Amino acid sequence: MVAVSMQSRVTVTPIESIPPTVDVRHIDELSNKAREFLYQVVWEDGQIAVEPEVEAELTRYDVVKFTEYYRITVVEPHASGHVTA
């Protein structure tokens, strides 16, 4: 049996153009914890489990400017209702 974490995960995707309606923050405007988390996500290029307080901060913004503009996507955990014994 494999244990699955129920933490949310964050994905960052580089984007070229910024629509005028999105909320953009520079990486220097984030808390140290959120900044370190985004560095990790960018360098590892994948989805990484996120702590609740970092998730709460990142969900306030659509895009973060770092070396590029990155769209922030939070993937919520969900229970499938499927049980394997």
N, C-alpha and C. Protein backbone atom coordinates (compact mmCIF):
# COMPACT_ATOMS: atom_id res chain seq x y z
N MET A 1 0.84 -1.17 0.00
CA MET A 1 0.00 0.00 0.00
C MET A 1 0.89 1.23 0.00
N VAL A 2 0.54 2.22 -0.78
CA VAL A 2 1.32 3.45 -0.89
C VAL A 2 0.56 4.57 -0.23
N ALA A 3 1.23 5.30 0.65
CA ALA A 3 0.60 6.45 1.30
C ALA A 3 0.73 7.65 0.37
N VAL A 4 -0.34 8.38 0.22
CA VAL A 4 -0.35 9.55 -0.64
C VAL A 4 -0.58 10.79 0.21
N SER A 5 0.26 11.78 0.03
CA SER A 5 0.12 13.03 0.77
C SER A 5 -1.11 13.78 0.27
N MET A 6 -1.83 14.39 1.19
CA MET A 6 -3.01 15.16 0.82
C MET A 6 -2.71 16.65 0.76
N GLN A 7 -1.42 17.02 0.67
CA GLN A 7 -1.06 18.43 0.58
C GLN A 7 -1.33 18.94 -0.83
N SER A 8 -1.62 20.23 -0.92
CA SER A 8 -1.74 20.87 -2.22
C SER A 8 -0.36 20.91 -2.86
N ARG A 9 -0.35 21.04 -4.17
CA ARG A 9 0.90 21.14 -4.91
C ARG A 9 0.85 22.40 -5.77
N VAL A 10 2.03 22.97 -6.01
CA VAL A 10 2.13 24.18 -6.81
C VAL A 10 2.95 23.89 -8.05
N THR A 11 2.48 24.42 -9.18
CA THR A 11 3.20 24.36 -10.44
C THR A 11 3.43 25.79 -10.90
N VAL A 12 4.60 26.05 -11.45
CA VAL A 12 4.86 27.35 -12.07
C VAL A 12 5.13 27.11 -13.55
N THR A 13 4.54 27.96 -14.38
CA THR A 13 4.68 27.83 -15.82
C THR A 13 5.16 29.15 -16.39
N PRO A 14 6.30 29.16 -17.11
CA PRO A 14 6.76 30.41 -17.72
C PRO A 14 5.73 30.89 -18.75
N ILE A 15 5.48 32.19 -18.78
CA ILE A 15 4.56 32.74 -19.76
C ILE A 15 5.20 33.94 -20.45
N GLU A 16 4.79 34.19 -21.67
CA GLU A 16 5.37 35.27 -22.48
C GLU A 16 4.64 36.60 -22.30
N SER A 17 3.32 36.55 -22.36
CA SER A 17 2.57 37.80 -22.29
C SER A 17 1.72 37.84 -21.02
N ILE A 18 1.55 39.02 -20.49
CA ILE A 18 0.82 39.21 -19.25
C ILE A 18 -0.48 39.97 -19.55
N PRO A 19 -1.61 39.32 -19.38
CA PRO A 19 -2.89 40.02 -19.56
C PRO A 19 -3.01 41.15 -18.52
N PRO A 20 -3.63 42.24 -18.87
CA PRO A 20 -3.72 43.38 -17.94
C PRO A 20 -4.54 43.11 -16.69
N THR A 21 -5.33 42.06 -16.67
CA THR A 21 -6.20 41.79 -15.53
C THR A 21 -5.58 40.89 -14.46
N VAL A 22 -4.35 40.41 -14.67
CA VAL A 22 -3.75 39.51 -13.70
C VAL A 22 -2.99 40.29 -12.64
N ASP A 23 -2.88 39.69 -11.46
CA ASP A 23 -2.15 40.28 -10.35
C ASP A 23 -0.72 39.76 -10.41
N VAL A 24 0.25 40.65 -10.69
CA VAL A 24 1.65 40.27 -10.82
C VAL A 24 2.41 40.77 -9.60
N ARG A 25 3.24 39.90 -9.04
CA ARG A 25 4.12 40.27 -7.93
C ARG A 25 5.54 39.92 -8.30
N HIS A 26 6.47 40.73 -7.85
CA HIS A 26 7.89 40.43 -8.04
C HIS A 26 8.30 39.48 -6.92
N ILE A 27 9.23 38.60 -7.21
CA ILE A 27 9.64 37.60 -6.22
C ILE A 27 10.12 38.25 -4.93
N ASP A 28 10.70 39.46 -5.02
CA ASP A 28 11.18 40.16 -3.82
C ASP A 28 10.04 40.63 -2.91
N GLU A 29 8.81 40.64 -3.42
CA GLU A 29 7.66 41.05 -2.61
C GLU A 29 7.07 39.90 -1.79
N LEU A 30 7.55 38.69 -2.02
CA LEU A 30 7.04 37.52 -1.30
C LEU A 30 7.77 37.33 0.02
N SER A 31 7.16 36.59 0.91
CA SER A 31 7.83 36.23 2.17
C SER A 31 9.03 35.35 1.86
N ASN A 32 9.95 35.26 2.80
CA ASN A 32 11.13 34.41 2.59
C ASN A 32 10.74 32.97 2.31
N LYS A 33 9.75 32.48 3.03
CA LYS A 33 9.32 31.09 2.87
C LYS A 33 8.73 30.85 1.48
N ALA A 34 7.89 31.77 1.01
CA ALA A 34 7.29 31.63 -0.32
C ALA A 34 8.36 31.77 -1.41
N ARG A 35 9.29 32.68 -1.21
CA ARG A 35 10.37 32.89 -2.17
C ARG A 35 11.23 31.62 -2.29
N GLU A 36 11.63 31.05 -1.17
CA GLU A 36 12.44 29.83 -1.19
C GLU A 36 11.68 28.68 -1.85
N PHE A 37 10.38 28.61 -1.57
CA PHE A 37 9.55 27.57 -2.18
C PHE A 37 9.53 27.73 -3.70
N LEU A 38 9.34 28.97 -4.20
CA LEU A 38 9.30 29.18 -5.64
C LEU A 38 10.64 28.89 -6.30
N TYR A 39 11.74 29.24 -5.65
CA TYR A 39 13.05 28.87 -6.19
C TYR A 39 13.11 27.36 -6.40
N GLN A 40 12.67 26.61 -5.40
CA GLN A 40 12.70 25.15 -5.48
C GLN A 40 11.83 24.64 -6.62
N VAL A 41 10.62 25.17 -6.76
CA VAL A 41 9.71 24.73 -7.82
C VAL A 41 10.30 25.02 -9.19
N VAL A 42 10.87 26.21 -9.37
CA VAL A 42 11.44 26.59 -10.66
C VAL A 42 12.63 25.68 -11.00
N TRP A 43 13.51 25.45 -10.05
CA TRP A 43 14.72 24.65 -10.34
C TRP A 43 14.38 23.19 -10.55
N GLU A 44 13.37 22.67 -9.85
CA GLU A 44 13.03 21.26 -10.00
C GLU A 44 12.04 21.00 -11.13
N ASP A 45 11.43 22.07 -11.65
CA ASP A 45 10.55 21.99 -12.81
C ASP A 45 9.46 20.93 -12.65
N GLY A 46 8.67 21.06 -11.61
CA GLY A 46 7.60 20.10 -11.40
C GLY A 46 6.61 20.60 -10.37
N GLN A 47 5.77 19.71 -9.93
CA GLN A 47 4.81 20.02 -8.87
C GLN A 47 5.41 19.62 -7.54
N ILE A 48 5.35 20.51 -6.58
CA ILE A 48 5.93 20.25 -5.27
C ILE A 48 4.87 20.54 -4.21
N ALA A 49 4.79 19.67 -3.21
CA ALA A 49 3.85 19.88 -2.11
C ALA A 49 4.17 21.19 -1.41
N VAL A 50 3.12 21.89 -1.01
CA VAL A 50 3.28 23.22 -0.43
C VAL A 50 2.65 23.27 0.95
N GLU A 51 3.30 24.00 1.86
CA GLU A 51 2.76 24.19 3.20
C GLU A 51 1.56 25.14 3.12
N PRO A 52 0.59 24.98 4.01
CA PRO A 52 -0.63 25.79 3.95
C PRO A 52 -0.39 27.31 3.94
N GLU A 53 0.56 27.81 4.76
CA GLU A 53 0.75 29.27 4.78
C GLU A 53 1.37 29.78 3.49
N VAL A 54 2.23 28.99 2.84
CA VAL A 54 2.81 29.38 1.55
C VAL A 54 1.73 29.31 0.47
N GLU A 55 0.91 28.28 0.52
CA GLU A 55 -0.21 28.16 -0.42
C GLU A 55 -1.12 29.38 -0.32
N ALA A 56 -1.47 29.78 0.90
CA ALA A 56 -2.36 30.93 1.10
C ALA A 56 -1.75 32.19 0.50
N GLU A 57 -0.46 32.37 0.65
CA GLU A 57 0.20 33.55 0.08
C GLU A 57 0.21 33.49 -1.45
N LEU A 58 0.59 32.35 -2.00
CA LEU A 58 0.72 32.24 -3.46
C LEU A 58 -0.60 32.30 -4.19
N THR A 59 -1.69 31.85 -3.56
CA THR A 59 -2.98 31.87 -4.25
C THR A 59 -3.51 33.29 -4.41
N ARG A 60 -2.90 34.26 -3.75
CA ARG A 60 -3.31 35.66 -3.92
C ARG A 60 -2.83 36.26 -5.23
N TYR A 61 -1.86 35.62 -5.89
CA TYR A 61 -1.25 36.18 -7.09
C TYR A 61 -1.42 35.24 -8.27
N ASP A 62 -1.58 35.83 -9.45
CA ASP A 62 -1.70 35.04 -10.67
C ASP A 62 -0.32 34.74 -11.27
N VAL A 63 0.57 35.74 -11.19
CA VAL A 63 1.87 35.65 -11.84
C VAL A 63 2.92 36.22 -10.90
N VAL A 64 4.11 35.57 -10.90
CA VAL A 64 5.25 36.08 -10.15
C VAL A 64 6.38 36.32 -11.13
N LYS A 65 7.01 37.49 -11.03
CA LYS A 65 8.16 37.83 -11.87
C LYS A 65 9.42 37.40 -11.15
N PHE A 66 10.20 36.53 -11.81
CA PHE A 66 11.45 36.05 -11.26
C PHE A 66 12.46 36.21 -12.38
N THR A 67 13.07 35.16 -12.88
CA THR A 67 13.93 35.25 -14.06
C THR A 67 13.07 35.41 -15.31
N GLU A 68 11.83 34.99 -15.21
CA GLU A 68 10.80 35.16 -16.23
C GLU A 68 9.50 35.45 -15.48
N TYR A 69 8.42 35.62 -16.23
CA TYR A 69 7.10 35.69 -15.60
C TYR A 69 6.59 34.26 -15.49
N TYR A 70 6.11 33.89 -14.29
CA TYR A 70 5.62 32.54 -14.05
C TYR A 70 4.18 32.58 -13.57
N ARG A 71 3.33 31.80 -14.25
CA ARG A 71 1.94 31.65 -13.79
C ARG A 71 1.97 30.63 -12.65
N ILE A 72 1.28 30.97 -11.56
CA ILE A 72 1.21 30.11 -10.38
C ILE A 72 -0.08 29.30 -10.45
N THR A 73 0.03 27.98 -10.32
CA THR A 73 -1.14 27.12 -10.29
C THR A 73 -1.06 26.24 -9.04
N VAL A 74 -2.11 26.28 -8.24
CA VAL A 74 -2.19 25.42 -7.05
C VAL A 74 -3.15 24.29 -7.36
N VAL A 75 -2.67 23.07 -7.20
CA VAL A 75 -3.48 21.88 -7.44
C VAL A 75 -3.89 21.34 -6.08
N GLU A 76 -5.18 21.39 -5.82
CA GLU A 76 -5.73 20.92 -4.55
C GLU A 76 -5.77 19.41 -4.51
N PRO A 77 -5.51 18.82 -3.34
CA PRO A 77 -5.65 17.36 -3.23
C PRO A 77 -7.12 16.98 -3.28
N HIS A 78 -7.38 15.80 -3.73
CA HIS A 78 -8.77 15.34 -3.75
C HIS A 78 -8.80 13.85 -3.45
N ALA A 79 -9.84 13.44 -2.83
CA ALA A 79 -10.04 12.02 -2.54
C ALA A 79 -10.81 11.42 -3.71
N SER A 80 -10.32 10.32 -4.22
CA SER A 80 -10.96 9.71 -5.38
C SER A 80 -12.18 8.88 -5.02
N GLY A 81 -12.27 8.49 -3.75
CA GLY A 81 -13.37 7.62 -3.37
C GLY A 81 -13.06 6.16 -3.71
N HIS A 82 -11.92 5.93 -4.34
CA HIS A 82 -11.51 4.58 -4.72
C HIS A 82 -10.58 4.03 -3.64
N VAL A 83 -10.90 2.91 -3.11
CA VAL A 83 -10.11 2.30 -2.04
C VAL A 83 -9.51 1.01 -2.55
N THR A 84 -8.20 0.88 -2.32
CA THR A 84 -7.51 -0.35 -2.70
C THR A 84 -7.00 -1.03 -1.45
N ALA A 85 -7.27 -2.31 -1.33
CA ALA A 85 -6.82 -3.06 -0.14
C ALA A 85 -5.59 -3.86 -0.48
